[in-house]
């Protein structure tokens, strides 16, 4: 209980945002293709940068601004094309993206607090919210096994590991690693259920991924420029020799140093 109390109001906000993002993700998948939902999810880091600029006053560089414009173009291509899921699919996909981005901003604002308990709380809130509308009796054994794998593996363990890892490595590296889900998700959907996304979705998704790469590699480039040379050794200044003491006939120092002339 102490771990849950330690998250405070910020942790409660992260829990609510994550619950909304998780629920919207499931609803969006029921109305849209996997590729369309995941490509819209990829916009979350850029949306988080925009929200951080509005809420926390963080500066937005030209590179980030360009990434936002490119991402908006990619989103426009996906939303206007087939397979977007219509108003319901697009609305819940965008709600998922904004909720996840807001959770990232809150986590960034309170980096001193571990948000792992907040992720657990978010799933409890989600169960309480949708539990009254569920029909457990209609779920077969096979579907129940898949639901357990989804809840424990993808939604539960995945979010906990993501939250723990986000506090240990740079934000740019986190965003780059999460792009693997965006790329592999449509591939596994094609392998498992033969779901082929429309060409316009793939084009828009490629534009979004390019925008995310443009934004997330900015800090990595600046960090590489600030590193020391390739050999890892910093140039050492030549040591200054101290004035040697006067030596007596025995060769030992007399304890008196030469005075600088002039």
Foldseek 3Di string as FASTA:
>chain_A
DVLVVQCPPLLLLLLQLLLLLVVLLVQLVVQFPQLLLLLLLLCLVLLLVVVCCVPVVDDQDPLSVVLVVLLVVLNVLSCPDPRCRPPSNVVSSNSSSNSNSVSVNSCVVPVVRQSLVSLVSSVVVNCVVCVVVDDVVVADPVNVVVVCCCVVPVRRPVVSVLSVVPSVDDPLVSSVVVVVCSVVVNVVCCVPVVDDDDPSSVVSSVSNVVSSNSVSCPVVVVVVVPQADPVNDDDDDDDDDDFDADADPVRDHPPDGDDDDD
